[in-house]
C-alpha cells in the first residue's frame, strides 16, 4: 500500500496544519449545511470531506467537476443523487471548474435536496455568489515544511525507517519542492528510502533540485533574458517544480538586490504574478506569468526612461 493512502488521516484529530478548521468541524453535532472548502492541493480538503462522512455515518458520492465542466454532469450525475431518498454527502471536487450554466443548475438543486453538498476549489471566487451564500466556507492553508516534516518523521517511526540526523535538515530543504502539498511530500519521502529502509543525507541530496529559478532571475537581471526564459521553462516542465516553490525562490532572489527602488518594484510585481498564477485554469498559464515576471526583471534595471510597460507593472 502506498504511504499516501496508508497514512491518510482517518479522524479529524489526525489532520495537521488546519487547526481552526479541525476545531470548527470537530464541534459539529449535526451536518445540515452545505460546505465549501477552498485551498491548494494536498492541504486536506478531500480527506476532511471523507472524515465528515464517516463521523456522521453518511454515504459519500465523489464527482470531479474538472472531468466534465458542463451542465451534463449536473443533470446526469448530480440530479439523480439529489432525487434519491435518504441523506448523503455529494462531494463535488474542483467545483470552480464548472460552467456558469452548470453552477446555476446546481444552485437550484442545493435548495431542494436533503443531501449535503461539499464543494472544493482552488479558486472559489469563480463560484457564483448564489452558491457561495448557501455554503459554510472553510479556507485551507498551504502546509508549512516544518508541519510536513513532523508528519513524515512520524511515518518513519511507524515504518521503522532509520533517518540520519543530517538527513533531516536535507529533507526539510527537499520538502520546499512540495509547495505545501502533503501528498506530494509523502511521495518525495518514499523516493528517498533506501533498500535497507534508511534515509541518508546523500540520498536526500540526490533528489534536491537545483535552484533553477534563482539562476534564471540572475540571468534576467544581468540582461540575458533569452537564457533566463529557457531556464524557467526547464524549471517548470523538465524539473516539474511547483509554481509556489518557484515563486519562493524568486522572492529569496529579490532580497539580494541592493537597489531599494528596484527591489520594491520587483516585490510588487512578484506579488501580482503570484496572484495571477493562482487564478489561471490553464495549467500552462503559470509558466506564462513567470516568464512575464522575468521580462519585468530584465526591463527594470535596463530601461533608462520610464515607459508604459513599467507603469502598468508597479
C-alpha atoms as a PDB file:
ATOM      1  CA  UNK A   1       0.000   0.000   0.000  1.00  0.00           C
ATOM      2  CA  UNK A   2       1.260   3.473  -0.862  1.00  0.00           C
ATOM      3  CA  UNK A   3       2.284   5.603   2.099  1.00  0.00           C
ATOM      4  CA  UNK A   4      -0.091   8.377   0.988  1.00  0.00           C
ATOM      5  CA  UNK A   5      -3.077   6.034   1.373  1.00  0.00           C
ATOM      6  CA  UNK A   6      -1.782   4.194   4.422  1.00  0.00           C
ATOM      7  CA  UNK A   7      -1.222   7.363   6.445  1.00  0.00           C
ATOM      8  CA  UNK A   8      -4.147   9.409   5.214  1.00  0.00           C
ATOM      9  CA  UNK A   9      -5.925  10.787   8.325  1.00  0.00           C
ATOM     10  CA  UNK A  10      -8.966   8.773   9.375  1.00  0.00           C
ATOM     11  CA  UNK A  11     -10.063  11.104  12.190  1.00  0.00           C
ATOM     12  CA  UNK A  12     -10.328  14.880  12.435  1.00  0.00           C
ATOM     13  CA  UNK A  13      -7.710  14.986  15.191  1.00  0.00           C
ATOM     14  CA  UNK A  14      -5.168  13.444  12.789  1.00  0.00           C
ATOM     15  CA  UNK A  15      -5.442  16.323  10.298  1.00  0.00           C
ATOM     16  CA  UNK A  16      -2.387  18.584  10.631  1.00  0.00           C
ATOM     17  CA  UNK A  17      -1.845  22.257   9.887  1.00  0.00           C
ATOM     18  CA  UNK A  18      -5.544  23.202   9.788  1.00  0.00           C
ATOM     19  CA  UNK A  19      -6.281  23.713  13.493  1.00  0.00           C
ATOM     20  CA  UNK A  20      -9.109  26.253  13.119  1.00  0.00           C
ATOM     21  CA  UNK A  21     -10.991  24.117  10.603  1.00  0.00           C
ATOM     22  CA  UNK A  22     -10.487  20.968  12.675  1.00  0.00           C
ATOM     23  CA  UNK A  23     -11.822  22.685  15.796  1.00  0.00           C
ATOM     24  CA  UNK A  24     -14.881  24.060  13.997  1.00  0.00           C
ATOM     25  CA  UNK A  25     -15.833  20.779  12.342  1.00  0.00           C
ATOM     26  CA  UNK A  26     -14.988  18.617  15.345  1.00  0.00           C
ATOM     27  CA  UNK A  27     -17.547  20.557  17.402  1.00  0.00           C
ATOM     28  CA  UNK A  28     -20.365  19.975  14.922  1.00  0.00           C
ATOM     29  CA  UNK A  29     -23.082  17.732  16.337  1.00  0.00           C
ATOM     30  CA  UNK A  30     -25.079  17.724  13.080  1.00  0.00           C
ATOM     31  CA  UNK A  31     -24.314  18.205   9.406  1.00  0.00           C
ATOM     32  CA  UNK A  32     -27.092  20.328   7.958  1.00  0.00           C
ATOM     33  CA  UNK A  33     -25.247  22.997   5.948  1.00  0.00           C
ATOM     34  CA  UNK A  34     -23.653  22.738   2.538  1.00  0.00           C
ATOM     35  CA  UNK A  35     -19.889  23.279   2.748  1.00  0.00           C
ATOM     36  CA  UNK A  36     -17.319  24.999   0.532  1.00  0.00           C
ATOM     37  CA  UNK A  37     -13.645  24.128   1.008  1.00  0.00           C
ATOM     38  CA  UNK A  38     -11.022  26.411  -0.524  1.00  0.00           C
ATOM     39  CA  UNK A  39      -7.301  25.766  -0.628  1.00  0.00           C
ATOM     40  CA  UNK A  40      -4.335  24.335  -2.541  1.00  0.00           C
ATOM     41  CA  UNK A  41      -3.769  20.704  -3.471  1.00  0.00           C
ATOM     42  CA  UNK A  42      -2.630  18.386  -0.707  1.00  0.00           C
ATOM     43  CA  UNK A  43      -3.882  20.611   2.122  1.00  0.00           C
ATOM     44  CA  UNK A  44      -6.553  18.166   3.347  1.00  0.00           C
ATOM     45  CA  UNK A  45      -9.831  19.150   1.641  1.00  0.00           C
ATOM     46  CA  UNK A  46     -10.764  15.713   0.300  1.00  0.00           C
ATOM     47  CA  UNK A  47      -9.539  13.974   3.448  1.00  0.00           C
ATOM     48  CA  UNK A  48     -11.737  16.134   5.680  1.00  0.00           C
ATOM     49  CA  UNK A  49     -14.766  15.516   3.434  1.00  0.00           C
ATOM     50  CA  UNK A  50     -14.407  11.752   3.906  1.00  0.00           C
ATOM     51  CA  UNK A  51     -13.820  12.141   7.651  1.00  0.00           C
ATOM     52  CA  UNK A  52     -17.095  14.080   7.911  1.00  0.00           C
ATOM     53  CA  UNK A  53     -18.907  11.330   6.033  1.00  0.00           C
ATOM     54  CA  UNK A  54     -17.554   8.751   8.458  1.00  0.00           C
ATOM     55  CA  UNK A  55     -18.276  10.903  11.518  1.00  0.00           C
ATOM     56  CA  UNK A  56     -21.952  11.378  10.596  1.00  0.00           C
ATOM     57  CA  UNK A  57     -22.320   7.905   9.095  1.00  0.00           C
ATOM     58  CA  UNK A  58     -23.375   9.196   5.688  1.00  0.00           C
ATOM     59  CA  UNK A  59     -22.645   7.664   2.277  1.00  0.00           C
ATOM     60  CA  UNK A  60     -20.413   9.906   0.163  1.00  0.00           C
ATOM     61  CA  UNK A  61     -20.525  10.198  -3.611  1.00  0.00           C
ATOM     62  CA  UNK A  62     -17.484  11.877  -5.156  1.00  0.00           C
ATOM     63  CA  UNK A  63     -17.617  13.647  -8.519  1.00  0.00           C
ATOM     64  CA  UNK A  64     -14.833  15.627 -10.151  1.00  0.00           C
ATOM     65  CA  UNK A  65     -16.041  18.757 -11.926  1.00  0.00           C
ATOM     66  CA  UNK A  66     -12.815  19.049 -13.930  1.00  0.00           C
ATOM     67  CA  UNK A  67     -13.731  15.824 -15.791  1.00  0.00           C
ATOM     68  CA  UNK A  68     -16.965  17.330 -17.092  1.00  0.00           C
ATOM     69  CA  UNK A  69     -17.403  21.078 -16.651  1.00  0.00           C
ATOM     70  CA  UNK A  70     -20.740  21.428 -18.442  1.00  0.00           C
ATOM     71  CA  UNK A  71     -24.309  21.132 -17.318  1.00  0.00           C
ATOM     72  CA  UNK A  72     -24.416  17.408 -18.194  1.00  0.00           C
ATOM     73  CA  UNK A  73     -22.577  16.422 -15.002  1.00  0.00           C
ATOM     74  CA  UNK A  74     -25.303  18.187 -13.017  1.00  0.00           C
ATOM     75  CA  UNK A  75     -28.217  16.723 -14.999  1.00  0.00           C
ATOM     76  CA  UNK A  76     -26.894  13.177 -15.402  1.00  0.00           C
ATOM     77  CA  UNK A  77     -24.946  12.605 -12.179  1.00  0.00           C
ATOM     78  CA  UNK A  78     -25.877  15.141  -9.505  1.00  0.00           C
ATOM     79  CA  UNK A  79     -29.636  15.384 -10.174  1.00  0.00           C
ATOM     80  CA  UNK A  80     -30.325  11.641  -9.714  1.00  0.00           C
ATOM     81  CA  UNK A  81     -28.438  11.704  -6.408  1.00  0.00           C
ATOM     82  CA  UNK A  82     -30.470  14.690  -5.231  1.00  0.00           C
ATOM     83  CA  UNK A  83     -33.745  12.946  -6.075  1.00  0.00           C
ATOM     84  CA  UNK A  84     -32.831   9.692  -4.342  1.00  0.00           C
ATOM     85  CA  UNK A  85     -34.311   9.140  -0.901  1.00  0.00           C
ATOM     86  CA  UNK A  86     -32.104   9.441   2.139  1.00  0.00           C
ATOM     87  CA  UNK A  87     -29.430  11.842   3.289  1.00  0.00           C
ATOM     88  CA  UNK A  88     -25.975  11.622   1.746  1.00  0.00           C
ATOM     89  CA  UNK A  89     -22.904  13.726   1.028  1.00  0.00           C
ATOM     90  CA  UNK A  90     -22.392  14.767  -2.584  1.00  0.00           C
ATOM     91  CA  UNK A  91     -18.719  15.651  -2.824  1.00  0.00           C
ATOM     92  CA  UNK A  92     -18.066  17.835  -5.878  1.00  0.00           C
ATOM     93  CA  UNK A  93     -14.316  18.262  -6.248  1.00  0.00           C
ATOM     94  CA  UNK A  94     -12.864  21.173  -8.265  1.00  0.00           C
ATOM     95  CA  UNK A  95     -16.293  22.777  -8.454  1.00  0.00           C
ATOM     96  CA  UNK A  96     -14.692  26.063  -9.518  1.00  0.00           C
ATOM     97  CA  UNK A  97     -14.214  24.441 -12.951  1.00  0.00           C
ATOM     98  CA  UNK A  98     -17.970  24.202 -13.616  1.00  0.00           C
ATOM     99  CA  UNK A  99     -19.557  26.347 -16.293  1.00  0.00           C
ATOM    100  CA  UNK A 100     -21.970  29.152 -15.360  1.00  0.00           C
ATOM    101  CA  UNK A 101     -24.978  27.127 -16.578  1.00  0.00           C
ATOM    102  CA  UNK A 102     -23.851  24.130 -14.526  1.00  0.00           C
ATOM    103  CA  UNK A 103     -23.493  26.283 -11.418  1.00  0.00           C
ATOM    104  CA  UNK A 104     -26.921  27.813 -11.947  1.00  0.00           C
ATOM    105  CA  UNK A 105     -28.500  24.373 -12.183  1.00  0.00           C
ATOM    106  CA  UNK A 106     -26.551  23.200  -9.151  1.00  0.00           C
ATOM    107  CA  UNK A 107     -27.766  26.163  -7.111  1.00  0.00           C
ATOM    108  CA  UNK A 108     -31.393  25.170  -7.667  1.00  0.00           C
ATOM    109  CA  UNK A 109     -30.715  21.572  -6.646  1.00  0.00           C
ATOM    110  CA  UNK A 110     -28.954  22.673  -3.468  1.00  0.00           C
ATOM    111  CA  UNK A 111     -32.150  24.414  -2.361  1.00  0.00           C
ATOM    112  CA  UNK A 112     -34.375  21.336  -2.620  1.00  0.00           C
ATOM    113  CA  UNK A 113     -32.297  18.287  -1.710  1.00  0.00           C
ATOM    114  CA  UNK A 114     -31.900  16.821   1.762  1.00  0.00           C
ATOM    115  CA  UNK A 115     -28.392  15.716   0.845  1.00  0.00           C
ATOM    116  CA  UNK A 116     -25.367  17.772   1.878  1.00  0.00           C
ATOM    117  CA  UNK A 117     -23.056  19.197  -0.761  1.00  0.00           C
ATOM    118  CA  UNK A 118     -19.350  19.545  -0.050  1.00  0.00           C
ATOM    119  CA  UNK A 119     -17.702  21.610  -2.777  1.00  0.00           C
ATOM    120  CA  UNK A 120     -13.977  22.212  -3.196  1.00  0.00           C
ATOM    121  CA  UNK A 121     -11.930  24.528  -5.362  1.00  0.00           C
ATOM    122  CA  UNK A 122      -8.586  26.273  -5.590  1.00  0.00           C
ATOM    123  CA  UNK A 123     -10.204  29.434  -6.985  1.00  0.00           C
ATOM    124  CA  UNK A 124     -13.518  29.700  -5.166  1.00  0.00           C
ATOM    125  CA  UNK A 125     -14.043  33.264  -6.381  1.00  0.00           C
ATOM    126  CA  UNK A 126     -15.068  31.641  -9.679  1.00  0.00           C
ATOM    127  CA  UNK A 127     -18.049  30.018  -7.961  1.00  0.00           C
ATOM    128  CA  UNK A 128     -21.197  32.110  -8.372  1.00  0.00           C
ATOM    129  CA  UNK A 129     -22.325  34.110  -5.291  1.00  0.00           C
ATOM    130  CA  UNK A 130     -25.664  32.240  -5.193  1.00  0.00           C
ATOM    131  CA  UNK A 131     -23.797  29.007  -4.402  1.00  0.00           C
ATOM    132  CA  UNK A 132     -21.259  30.602  -2.064  1.00  0.00           C
ATOM    133  CA  UNK A 133     -24.049  32.149   0.039  1.00  0.00           C
ATOM    134  CA  UNK A 134     -25.581  28.716   0.577  1.00  0.00           C
ATOM    135  CA  UNK A 135     -22.387  27.202   1.954  1.00  0.00           C
ATOM    136  CA  UNK A 136     -20.368  27.363   5.143  1.00  0.00           C
ATOM    137  CA  UNK A 137     -16.911  28.443   3.958  1.00  0.00           C
ATOM    138  CA  UNK A 138     -13.604  26.967   5.180  1.00  0.00           C
ATOM    139  CA  UNK A 139     -10.230  28.046   3.803  1.00  0.00           C
ATOM    140  CA  UNK A 140      -7.369  25.532   3.967  1.00  0.00           C
ATOM    141  CA  UNK A 141      -3.830  26.887   4.205  1.00  0.00           C
ATOM    142  CA  UNK A 142      -0.751  25.503   2.444  1.00  0.00           C
ATOM    143  CA  UNK A 143       1.090  23.303   4.934  1.00  0.00           C
ATOM    144  CA  UNK A 144       4.442  24.580   6.173  1.00  0.00           C
ATOM    145  CA  UNK A 145       7.565  22.490   5.607  1.00  0.00           C
ATOM    146  CA  UNK A 146       8.003  22.079   9.374  1.00  0.00           C
ATOM    147  CA  UNK A 147       4.461  20.720   9.785  1.00  0.00           C
ATOM    148  CA  UNK A 148       5.016  18.326   6.899  1.00  0.00           C
ATOM    149  CA  UNK A 149       8.440  17.227   8.211  1.00  0.00           C
ATOM    150  CA  UNK A 150       6.946  16.441  11.604  1.00  0.00           C
ATOM    151  CA  UNK A 151       4.357  14.205   9.956  1.00  0.00           C
ATOM    152  CA  UNK A 152       6.986  12.498   7.806  1.00  0.00           C
ATOM    153  CA  UNK A 153       9.132  11.731  10.836  1.00  0.00           C
ATOM    154  CA  UNK A 154       6.083  10.101  12.462  1.00  0.00           C
ATOM    155  CA  UNK A 155       5.676   7.957   9.363  1.00  0.00           C
ATOM    156  CA  UNK A 156       9.352   6.992   9.503  1.00  0.00           C
ATOM    157  CA  UNK A 157       8.940   5.834  13.108  1.00  0.00           C
ATOM    158  CA  UNK A 158       5.815   3.838  12.250  1.00  0.00           C
ATOM    159  CA  UNK A 159       7.536   2.211   9.264  1.00  0.00           C
ATOM    160  CA  UNK A 160      10.789   1.516  11.182  1.00  0.00           C
ATOM    161  CA  UNK A 161      12.703   3.726   8.783  1.00  0.00           C
ATOM    162  CA  UNK A 162      16.044   4.941  10.078  1.00  0.00           C
ATOM    163  CA  UNK A 163      16.809   8.539   9.152  1.00  0.00           C
ATOM    164  CA  UNK A 164      20.186  10.177   9.771  1.00  0.00           C
ATOM    165  CA  UNK A 165      20.156  13.424  11.761  1.00  0.00           C
ATOM    166  CA  UNK A 166      21.944  15.204   8.919  1.00  0.00           C
ATOM    167  CA  UNK A 167      19.338  13.862   6.505  1.00  0.00           C
ATOM    168  CA  UNK A 168      16.544  15.575   8.447  1.00  0.00           C
ATOM    169  CA  UNK A 169      17.808  19.049   7.552  1.00  0.00           C
ATOM    170  CA  UNK A 170      18.293  17.974   3.953  1.00  0.00           C
ATOM    171  CA  UNK A 171      14.777  16.570   3.941  1.00  0.00           C
ATOM    172  CA  UNK A 172      13.434  19.944   5.081  1.00  0.00           C
ATOM    173  CA  UNK A 173      15.068  21.552   2.044  1.00  0.00           C
ATOM    174  CA  UNK A 174      13.676  18.834  -0.218  1.00  0.00           C
ATOM    175  CA  UNK A 175      10.177  19.413   1.113  1.00  0.00           C
ATOM    176  CA  UNK A 176      10.237  23.011  -0.093  1.00  0.00           C
ATOM    177  CA  UNK A 177       9.657  21.494  -3.532  1.00  0.00           C
ATOM    178  CA  UNK A 178       6.300  20.131  -2.377  1.00  0.00           C
ATOM    179  CA  UNK A 179       4.903  23.658  -2.087  1.00  0.00           C
ATOM    180  CA  UNK A 180       2.787  22.859   0.994  1.00  0.00           C
ATOM    181  CA  UNK A 181       1.302  19.700  -0.567  1.00  0.00           C
ATOM    182  CA  UNK A 182       1.336  16.826   1.964  1.00  0.00           C
ATOM    183  CA  UNK A 183       0.547  14.201  -0.656  1.00  0.00           C
ATOM    184  CA  UNK A 184       3.462  15.296  -2.825  1.00  0.00           C
ATOM    185  CA  UNK A 185       5.741  15.458   0.230  1.00  0.00           C
ATOM    186  CA  UNK A 186       4.970  11.864   1.241  1.00  0.00           C
ATOM    187  CA  UNK A 187       5.689  10.743  -2.320  1.00  0.00           C
ATOM    188  CA  UNK A 188       9.031  12.579  -2.141  1.00  0.00           C
ATOM    189  CA  UNK A 189       9.781  10.797   1.136  1.00  0.00           C
ATOM    190  CA  UNK A 190       9.069   7.421  -0.497  1.00  0.00           C
ATOM    191  CA  UNK A 191      11.701   8.133  -3.147  1.00  0.00           C
ATOM    192  CA  UNK A 192      14.424   8.765  -0.546  1.00  0.00           C
ATOM    193  CA  UNK A 193      14.004   5.445   1.282  1.00  0.00           C
ATOM    194  CA  UNK A 194      16.905   3.087   0.508  1.00  0.00           C
ATOM    195  CA  UNK A 195      16.675  -0.696   0.138  1.00  0.00           C
ATOM    196  CA  UNK A 196      17.798  -1.186   3.738  1.00  0.00           C
ATOM    197  CA  UNK A 197      14.914   1.012   4.964  1.00  0.00           C
ATOM    198  CA  UNK A 198      17.148   4.006   5.727  1.00  0.00           C
ATOM    199  CA  UNK A 199      17.265   7.618   4.604  1.00  0.00           C
ATOM    200  CA  UNK A 200      20.693   9.196   4.290  1.00  0.00           C
ATOM    201  CA  UNK A 201      21.784  12.733   3.509  1.00  0.00           C
ATOM    202  CA  UNK A 202      23.351  11.558   0.250  1.00  0.00           C
ATOM    203  CA  UNK A 203      20.056  10.042  -0.912  1.00  0.00           C
ATOM    204  CA  UNK A 204      18.093  13.151   0.032  1.00  0.00           C
ATOM    205  CA  UNK A 205      20.555  15.422  -1.775  1.00  0.00           C
ATOM    206  CA  UNK A 206      20.183  13.367  -4.950  1.00  0.00           C
ATOM    207  CA  UNK A 207      16.526  14.436  -5.105  1.00  0.00           C
ATOM    208  CA  UNK A 208      17.043  18.128  -4.254  1.00  0.00           C
ATOM    209  CA  UNK A 209      16.607  20.036  -7.479  1.00  0.00           C
ATOM    210  CA  UNK A 210      18.995  22.882  -8.318  1.00  0.00           C
ATOM    211  CA  UNK A 211      17.938  26.469  -7.686  1.00  0.00           C
ATOM    212  CA  UNK A 212      16.914  26.940 -11.301  1.00  0.00           C
ATOM    213  CA  UNK A 213      14.507  29.795 -10.582  1.00  0.00           C
ATOM    214  CA  UNK A 214      17.249  31.738  -8.788  1.00  0.00           C
ATOM    215  CA  UNK A 215      19.617  31.225 -11.696  1.00  0.00           C
ATOM    216  CA  UNK A 216      17.007  32.379 -14.193  1.00  0.00           C
ATOM    217  CA  UNK A 217      16.440  35.506 -12.081  1.00  0.00           C
ATOM    218  CA  UNK A 218      20.178  36.298 -12.123  1.00  0.00           C
ATOM    219  CA  UNK A 219      20.320  35.834 -15.895  1.00  0.00           C
ATOM    220  CA  UNK A 220      17.352  38.156 -16.428  1.00  0.00           C
ATOM    221  CA  UNK A 221      18.679  40.903 -14.186  1.00  0.00           C
ATOM    222  CA  UNK A 222      22.050  40.632 -15.945  1.00  0.00           C
ATOM    223  CA  UNK A 223      20.340  41.297 -19.269  1.00  0.00           C
ATOM    224  CA  UNK A 224      20.364  37.701 -20.577  1.00  0.00           C
ATOM    225  CA  UNK A 225      16.621  37.264 -20.992  1.00  0.00           C
ATOM    226  CA  UNK A 226      16.637  34.529 -23.662  1.00  0.00           C
ATOM    227  CA  UNK A 227      18.733  32.266 -21.406  1.00  0.00           C
ATOM    228  CA  UNK A 228      16.571  33.154 -18.408  1.00  0.00           C
ATOM    229  CA  UNK A 229      13.432  32.282 -20.375  1.00  0.00           C
ATOM    230  CA  UNK A 230      14.767  28.854 -21.344  1.00  0.00           C
ATOM    231  CA  UNK A 231      15.889  28.092 -17.792  1.00  0.00           C
ATOM    232  CA  UNK A 232      12.454  28.991 -16.393  1.00  0.00           C
ATOM    233  CA  UNK A 233      10.820  26.650 -18.905  1.00  0.00           C
ATOM    234  CA  UNK A 234      13.184  23.886 -17.774  1.00  0.00           C
ATOM    235  CA  UNK A 235      12.271  24.553 -14.139  1.00  0.00           C
ATOM    236  CA  UNK A 236       8.565  24.366 -14.895  1.00  0.00           C
ATOM    237  CA  UNK A 237       8.458  21.460 -17.362  1.00  0.00           C
ATOM    238  CA  UNK A 238      11.541  19.242 -17.097  1.00  0.00           C
ATOM    239  CA  UNK A 239      12.211  19.656 -13.371  1.00  0.00           C
ATOM    240  CA  UNK A 240       8.464  19.856 -12.645  1.00  0.00           C
ATOM    241  CA  UNK A 241       8.886  22.479  -9.958  1.00  0.00           C
ATOM    242  CA  UNK A 242       5.737  23.674  -8.222  1.00  0.00           C
ATOM    243  CA  UNK A 243       4.902  27.343  -9.105  1.00  0.00           C
ATOM    244  CA  UNK A 244       4.688  28.066  -5.363  1.00  0.00           C
ATOM    245  CA  UNK A 245       8.240  26.769  -4.931  1.00  0.00           C
ATOM    246  CA  UNK A 246       9.476  28.803  -7.917  1.00  0.00           C
ATOM    247  CA  UNK A 247       7.911  31.986  -6.543  1.00  0.00           C
ATOM    248  CA  UNK A 248       9.516  31.368  -3.165  1.00  0.00           C
ATOM    249  CA  UNK A 249      12.918  31.059  -4.874  1.00  0.00           C
ATOM    250  CA  UNK A 250      12.296  34.296  -6.778  1.00  0.00           C
ATOM    251  CA  UNK A 251      11.327  36.015  -3.519  1.00  0.00           C
ATOM    252  CA  UNK A 252      14.632  34.983  -1.953  1.00  0.00           C
ATOM    253  CA  UNK A 253      16.467  36.220  -5.060  1.00  0.00           C
ATOM    254  CA  UNK A 254      14.859  39.665  -4.874  1.00  0.00           C
ATOM    255  CA  UNK A 255      16.033  40.035  -1.277  1.00  0.00           C
ATOM    256  CA  UNK A 256      19.614  40.039  -2.569  1.00  0.00           C
ATOM    257  CA  UNK A 257      19.032  43.043  -4.882  1.00  0.00           C
ATOM    258  CA  UNK A 258      20.867  46.082  -3.458  1.00  0.00           C
ATOM    259  CA  UNK A 259      18.936  48.907  -5.169  1.00  0.00           C
ATOM    260  CA  UNK A 260      15.942  49.633  -2.886  1.00  0.00           C
ATOM    261  CA  UNK A 261      13.856  51.173  -5.660  1.00  0.00           C
ATOM    262  CA  UNK A 262      14.305  48.200  -7.980  1.00  0.00           C
ATOM    263  CA  UNK A 263      13.786  45.763  -5.119  1.00  0.00           C
ATOM    264  CA  UNK A 264      10.451  47.378  -4.210  1.00  0.00           C
ATOM    265  CA  UNK A 265       9.199  47.228  -7.798  1.00  0.00           C
ATOM    266  CA  UNK A 266      10.231  43.594  -8.110  1.00  0.00           C
ATOM    267  CA  UNK A 267       8.467  42.601  -4.886  1.00  0.00           C
ATOM    268  CA  UNK A 268       5.263  44.282  -6.067  1.00  0.00           C
ATOM    269  CA  UNK A 269       5.427  42.621  -9.477  1.00  0.00           C
ATOM    270  CA  UNK A 270       6.123  39.209  -7.937  1.00  0.00           C
ATOM    271  CA  UNK A 271       3.058  39.594  -5.694  1.00  0.00           C
ATOM    272  CA  UNK A 272       0.962  40.306  -8.796  1.00  0.00           C
ATOM    273  CA  UNK A 273       2.498  37.321 -10.589  1.00  0.00           C
ATOM    274  CA  UNK A 274       1.711  35.037  -7.662  1.00  0.00           C
ATOM    275  CA  UNK A 275      -1.938  36.147  -7.681  1.00  0.00           C
ATOM    276  CA  UNK A 276      -2.211  35.549 -11.419  1.00  0.00           C
ATOM    277  CA  UNK A 277      -0.680  32.076 -11.109  1.00  0.00           C
ATOM    278  CA  UNK A 278      -3.349  31.106  -8.583  1.00  0.00           C
ATOM    279  CA  UNK A 279      -6.322  32.120 -10.710  1.00  0.00           C
ATOM    280  CA  UNK A 280      -5.336  30.537 -14.015  1.00  0.00           C
ATOM    281  CA  UNK A 281      -7.329  27.461 -15.098  1.00  0.00           C
ATOM    282  CA  UNK A 282      -4.933  26.543 -17.937  1.00  0.00           C
ATOM    283  CA  UNK A 283      -2.008  24.502 -16.493  1.00  0.00           C
ATOM    284  CA  UNK A 284       0.413  26.289 -18.829  1.00  0.00           C
ATOM    285  CA  UNK A 285      -0.661  29.760 -17.695  1.00  0.00           C
ATOM    286  CA  UNK A 286       1.557  29.879 -14.559  1.00  0.00           C
ATOM    287  CA  UNK A 287       4.593  29.464 -16.827  1.00  0.00           C
ATOM    288  CA  UNK A 288       3.415  32.391 -18.968  1.00  0.00           C
ATOM    289  CA  UNK A 289       3.058  34.519 -15.821  1.00  0.00           C
ATOM    290  CA  UNK A 290       6.500  33.503 -14.519  1.00  0.00           C
ATOM    291  CA  UNK A 291       8.177  34.284 -17.842  1.00  0.00           C
ATOM    292  CA  UNK A 292       6.324  37.602 -17.838  1.00  0.00           C
ATOM    293  CA  UNK A 293       7.845  38.329 -14.432  1.00  0.00           C
ATOM    294  CA  UNK A 294      11.325  37.574 -15.808  1.00  0.00           C
ATOM    295  CA  UNK A 295      10.723  40.082 -18.607  1.00  0.00           C
ATOM    296  CA  UNK A 296       9.907  42.642 -15.917  1.00  0.00           C
ATOM    297  CA  UNK A 297      13.121  41.703 -14.088  1.00  0.00           C
ATOM    298  CA  UNK A 298      15.007  42.252 -17.324  1.00  0.00           C
ATOM    299  CA  UNK A 299      13.355  45.609 -18.050  1.00  0.00           C
ATOM    300  CA  UNK A 300      13.532  47.329 -14.653  1.00  0.00           C
ATOM    301  CA  UNK A 301      17.309  47.830 -14.395  1.00  0.00           C
ATOM    302  CA  UNK A 302      17.933  48.211 -18.138  1.00  0.00           C
ATOM    303  CA  UNK A 303      15.476  50.918 -19.169  1.00  0.00           C
ATOM    304  CA  UNK A 304      16.769  54.412 -18.545  1.00  0.00           C
ATOM    305  CA  UNK A 305      13.412  56.095 -19.205  1.00  0.00           C
ATOM    306  CA  UNK A 306      10.011  55.314 -17.759  1.00  0.00           C
ATOM    307  CA  UNK A 307       7.617  53.636 -20.169  1.00  0.00           C
ATOM    308  CA  UNK A 308       4.005  52.297 -20.128  1.00  0.00           C
ATOM    309  CA  UNK A 309       5.196  48.716 -19.527  1.00  0.00           C
ATOM    310  CA  UNK A 310       6.768  49.736 -16.249  1.00  0.00           C
ATOM    311  CA  UNK A 311       3.881  51.940 -15.240  1.00  0.00           C
ATOM    312  CA  UNK A 312       1.488  49.019 -15.563  1.00  0.00           C
ATOM    313  CA  UNK A 313       3.682  46.740 -13.505  1.00  0.00           C
ATOM    314  CA  UNK A 314       4.418  48.852 -10.483  1.00  0.00           C
END
